[in-house]
N, C-alpha and C. Protein backbone atom coordinates (compact mmCIF):
# COMPACT_ATOMS: atom_id res chain seq x y z
N MET A 1 -75.95 140.82 8.69
CA MET A 1 -76.92 141.94 8.14
C MET A 1 -76.36 143.01 7.78
N VAL A 2 -76.60 143.89 9.20
CA VAL A 2 -76.27 145.07 8.84
C VAL A 2 -74.58 145.69 8.34
N VAL A 3 -73.87 144.85 8.63
CA VAL A 3 -72.58 145.11 8.19
C VAL A 3 -72.60 145.06 6.94
N ALA A 4 -73.20 144.03 6.43
CA ALA A 4 -73.17 143.75 4.52
C ALA A 4 -73.68 144.71 3.98
N LYS A 5 -75.09 145.06 4.76
CA LYS A 5 -75.90 146.34 3.91
C LYS A 5 -75.45 147.42 3.72
N LEU A 6 -74.77 147.71 5.38
CA LEU A 6 -73.93 149.31 5.33
C LEU A 6 -72.66 149.19 4.50
N LYS A 7 -72.28 148.12 3.88
CA LYS A 7 -70.75 148.20 3.23
C LYS A 7 -69.75 148.66 4.20
N LEU A 8 -70.01 148.40 5.49
CA LEU A 8 -68.77 149.27 6.86
C LEU A 8 -67.61 148.08 6.35
N SER A 9 -66.17 148.99 7.00
CA SER A 9 -65.42 148.14 6.45
C SER A 9 -64.77 147.64 8.01
N TYR A 10 -65.43 147.81 9.39
CA TYR A 10 -65.28 147.01 10.42
C TYR A 10 -66.62 146.91 11.15
N LYS A 11 -66.76 145.82 11.96
CA LYS A 11 -67.36 145.40 12.42
C LYS A 11 -67.97 146.29 14.01
N PRO A 12 -69.86 146.68 14.06
CA PRO A 12 -69.89 147.03 15.11
C PRO A 12 -69.86 146.60 16.02
N ASP A 13 -69.94 147.44 17.13
CA ASP A 13 -70.48 146.10 18.49
C ASP A 13 -71.44 145.99 18.54
N ASP A 14 -71.56 144.93 19.55
CA ASP A 14 -72.94 144.22 19.54
C ASP A 14 -74.04 144.71 20.18
N TRP A 15 -74.05 146.01 21.19
CA TRP A 15 -75.03 147.03 21.25
C TRP A 15 -75.57 147.35 20.03
N GLN A 16 -74.68 148.16 19.28
CA GLN A 16 -75.06 148.73 18.35
C GLN A 16 -75.75 148.04 16.98
N ILE A 17 -75.40 146.37 17.10
CA ILE A 17 -76.61 145.89 16.02
C ILE A 17 -77.78 145.56 16.60
N HIS A 18 -77.65 145.02 17.81
CA HIS A 18 -79.17 144.86 19.04
C HIS A 18 -80.02 145.99 18.20
N LEU A 19 -79.11 146.97 19.08
CA LEU A 19 -80.16 148.67 18.85
C LEU A 19 -80.69 148.77 17.60
N ILE A 20 -79.90 148.50 16.37
CA ILE A 20 -80.43 148.58 15.22
C ILE A 20 -80.93 147.97 14.71
N ILE A 21 -81.44 146.71 14.96
CA ILE A 21 -82.28 145.57 14.69
C ILE A 21 -83.22 146.10 15.56
N ARG A 22 -83.42 146.44 16.58
CA ARG A 22 -85.01 146.51 17.47
C ARG A 22 -85.75 148.06 16.99
N ILE A 23 -84.85 148.77 16.67
CA ILE A 23 -85.78 149.94 15.51
C ILE A 23 -85.89 149.41 14.10
N LEU A 24 -85.39 148.96 13.80
CA LEU A 24 -86.06 148.49 12.51
C LEU A 24 -86.99 147.60 12.82
N ARG A 25 -87.52 146.64 13.57
CA ARG A 25 -88.30 145.93 14.11
C ARG A 25 -89.63 146.74 14.63
N GLY A 26 -89.39 147.94 14.87
CA GLY A 26 -90.89 148.92 15.20
C GLY A 26 -90.34 149.35 16.51
N TYR A 27 -89.86 148.70 17.59
CA TYR A 27 -89.47 149.05 19.02
C TYR A 27 -88.97 150.43 18.91
N ASP A 28 -89.51 151.20 19.97
CA ASP A 28 -89.09 152.61 20.63
C ASP A 28 -87.74 152.26 21.25
N SER A 29 -86.93 152.73 21.47
CA SER A 29 -85.33 153.15 21.75
C SER A 29 -85.18 154.13 22.18
N ILE A 30 -84.52 154.17 23.99
CA ILE A 30 -83.62 155.53 24.06
C ILE A 30 -82.30 154.88 24.42
N PHE A 31 -81.13 155.48 23.71
CA PHE A 31 -79.86 154.95 24.30
C PHE A 31 -79.11 156.28 24.63
N LEU A 32 -77.57 155.99 25.51
CA LEU A 32 -77.07 156.57 26.25
C LEU A 32 -75.95 156.39 26.07
N ALA A 33 -74.79 157.20 25.20
CA ALA A 33 -73.29 156.46 25.09
C ALA A 33 -72.60 157.82 25.21
N GLY A 34 -71.32 157.64 25.25
CA GLY A 34 -70.77 158.74 25.72
C GLY A 34 -70.08 159.09 24.63
N THR A 35 -69.28 160.08 24.27
CA THR A 35 -68.69 160.54 22.94
C THR A 35 -67.81 159.25 22.81
N GLY A 36 -67.43 159.51 21.28
CA GLY A 36 -66.83 158.27 20.73
C GLY A 36 -67.29 156.84 20.38
N TYR A 37 -68.51 157.11 21.48
CA TYR A 37 -68.77 155.81 21.49
C TYR A 37 -69.48 154.75 20.22
N GLY A 38 -69.95 155.71 19.22
CA GLY A 38 -70.72 155.50 18.25
C GLY A 38 -72.04 155.05 17.94
N LYS A 39 -72.63 156.11 18.51
CA LYS A 39 -74.06 156.32 18.32
C LYS A 39 -74.54 157.22 16.92
N SER A 40 -73.51 157.49 16.01
CA SER A 40 -74.14 158.04 14.80
C SER A 40 -74.56 157.09 14.10
N LEU A 41 -73.63 155.91 14.14
CA LEU A 41 -73.68 154.79 13.33
C LEU A 41 -75.16 154.30 13.34
N ILE A 42 -75.81 154.69 15.24
CA ILE A 42 -77.47 153.76 14.79
C ILE A 42 -78.26 154.59 13.99
N PHE A 43 -78.13 155.74 14.16
CA PHE A 43 -79.32 156.70 13.80
C PHE A 43 -79.15 156.55 12.08
N GLU A 44 -77.30 156.36 11.62
CA GLU A 44 -77.45 156.11 10.24
C GLU A 44 -78.05 155.17 9.84
N ALA A 45 -77.74 153.74 10.03
CA ALA A 45 -77.95 152.53 9.77
C ALA A 45 -79.41 152.49 9.79
N VAL A 46 -80.08 153.14 10.56
CA VAL A 46 -81.66 153.20 10.76
C VAL A 46 -82.53 153.81 9.66
N ALA A 47 -81.19 154.97 9.33
CA ALA A 47 -81.94 155.74 7.74
C ALA A 47 -81.88 154.89 7.21
N ALA A 48 -80.83 154.69 7.16
CA ALA A 48 -79.98 154.11 5.46
C ALA A 48 -80.74 152.45 5.39
N LEU A 49 -81.28 151.72 6.43
CA LEU A 49 -82.15 150.28 6.25
C LEU A 49 -83.43 150.66 6.44
N GLY A 50 -84.02 151.64 7.13
CA GLY A 50 -85.85 151.91 7.18
C GLY A 50 -86.21 151.95 6.18
N GLY A 51 -85.73 152.58 4.77
CA GLY A 51 -87.03 152.68 3.75
C GLY A 51 -86.84 153.83 3.38
N LYS A 52 -87.32 154.67 2.17
CA LYS A 52 -87.57 155.43 1.59
C LYS A 52 -88.78 156.23 2.53
N GLN A 53 -90.19 155.34 2.60
CA GLN A 53 -91.31 156.11 3.53
C GLN A 53 -91.11 156.46 5.22
N LYS A 54 -89.87 156.08 5.39
CA LYS A 54 -89.35 155.84 6.89
C LYS A 54 -88.96 157.20 7.18
N VAL A 55 -89.05 157.91 8.59
CA VAL A 55 -88.62 159.16 9.47
C VAL A 55 -87.67 158.73 10.43
N THR A 56 -86.68 158.72 9.90
CA THR A 56 -85.52 159.20 11.72
C THR A 56 -85.10 160.51 12.13
N VAL A 57 -85.65 160.36 13.23
CA VAL A 57 -85.76 161.70 14.14
C VAL A 57 -84.57 161.67 15.34
N ILE A 58 -83.92 162.44 15.06
CA ILE A 58 -82.56 162.66 16.30
C ILE A 58 -82.29 164.07 16.84
N ILE A 59 -82.35 164.11 18.43
CA ILE A 59 -82.77 165.30 18.55
C ILE A 59 -80.95 165.04 19.11
N CYS A 60 -80.32 166.29 19.13
CA CYS A 60 -78.97 166.39 19.15
C CYS A 60 -79.22 167.89 19.97
N PRO A 61 -78.66 167.57 21.39
CA PRO A 61 -78.49 168.64 21.87
C PRO A 61 -77.12 169.75 21.51
N LEU A 62 -76.14 169.25 20.72
CA LEU A 62 -74.68 170.12 20.22
C LEU A 62 -74.93 170.84 18.84
N LYS A 63 -74.87 171.47 18.82
CA LYS A 63 -74.78 172.10 17.04
C LYS A 63 -73.59 172.21 16.28
N ALA A 64 -72.83 171.62 17.04
CA ALA A 64 -71.22 171.42 15.98
C ALA A 64 -71.86 169.82 15.59
N LEU A 65 -71.84 169.23 16.54
CA LEU A 65 -72.25 167.52 16.20
C LEU A 65 -73.27 167.66 15.11
N GLU A 66 -74.20 168.19 14.73
CA GLU A 66 -75.51 168.00 14.02
C GLU A 66 -74.96 168.61 12.72
N ALA A 67 -74.14 169.82 13.12
CA ALA A 67 -73.57 170.02 11.70
C ALA A 67 -72.41 169.11 10.85
N ASP A 68 -71.88 168.90 12.26
CA ASP A 68 -71.07 167.63 11.32
C ASP A 68 -71.52 166.44 10.89
N GLN A 69 -72.23 166.14 11.31
CA GLN A 69 -73.45 165.18 11.04
C GLN A 69 -73.80 165.68 9.55
N VAL A 70 -74.62 166.91 8.80
CA VAL A 70 -74.55 167.30 7.96
C VAL A 70 -74.26 167.24 7.06
N ARG A 71 -73.02 167.46 7.56
CA ARG A 71 -71.82 167.86 6.30
C ARG A 71 -71.37 166.20 5.65
N THR A 72 -71.37 165.39 7.15
CA THR A 72 -71.00 164.18 6.23
C THR A 72 -71.87 163.32 5.56
N LEU A 73 -73.53 163.11 5.95
CA LEU A 73 -73.81 162.52 5.65
C LEU A 73 -74.92 163.27 4.38
N HIS A 74 -75.02 164.31 3.78
CA HIS A 74 -75.49 165.24 3.05
C HIS A 74 -76.00 164.49 1.65
N ARG A 75 -75.31 163.55 1.38
CA ARG A 75 -75.02 162.71 -0.24
C ARG A 75 -76.30 161.89 -0.27
N ASN A 76 -76.26 161.62 1.12
CA ASN A 76 -77.74 160.18 1.02
C ASN A 76 -78.78 160.20 1.62
N PHE A 77 -79.03 161.25 2.11
CA PHE A 77 -80.47 161.79 3.34
C PHE A 77 -80.58 162.94 3.11
N THR A 78 -81.64 163.28 3.37
CA THR A 78 -82.61 164.79 3.08
C THR A 78 -82.34 165.08 4.82
N PHE A 79 -82.22 166.19 4.88
CA PHE A 79 -82.39 166.47 6.79
C PHE A 79 -83.27 167.71 6.54
N VAL A 80 -83.64 167.69 7.45
CA VAL A 80 -84.85 169.13 8.16
C VAL A 80 -84.37 169.36 9.29
N ILE A 81 -83.67 170.19 9.45
CA ILE A 81 -83.22 170.67 10.96
C ILE A 81 -83.55 171.61 11.51
N PHE A 82 -83.94 172.00 12.72
CA PHE A 82 -85.17 172.50 13.63
C PHE A 82 -84.02 172.88 14.46
N HIS A 83 -83.72 174.30 15.17
CA HIS A 83 -83.10 175.52 16.29
C HIS A 83 -84.04 175.82 17.54
N LEU A 84 -83.84 175.09 18.56
CA LEU A 84 -84.71 175.61 19.84
C LEU A 84 -83.87 176.44 20.23
N HIS A 85 -83.95 177.57 20.53
CA HIS A 85 -83.41 178.16 21.70
C HIS A 85 -84.16 178.52 22.86
N LEU A 86 -83.95 178.22 23.95
CA LEU A 86 -84.24 178.38 25.10
C LEU A 86 -83.60 179.29 25.98
N ASP A 87 -83.93 180.40 27.01
CA ASP A 87 -83.44 181.63 27.64
C ASP A 87 -83.76 181.11 28.78
N ARG A 88 -82.81 181.12 29.59
CA ARG A 88 -82.75 180.71 30.57
C ARG A 88 -83.12 181.38 31.93
């Protein structure tokens, strides 16, 4: 289902498909994965498959990663970006 609807050229890992489906079914989810493990696919798929009346909230601690994602996905999604600067 996920691969066909997103027109992916590869098969996502089972954990990615499982998490996407759970989120689309309305379950709250938190996941943690290292660099290069495919986290971006999760929020891209949820945003693409969730419908026009749905909102996907992504919390990203890295401005560079955030900027990269916006550059990559700007054609298909509307973005609102908030930056929070905390002094330590």
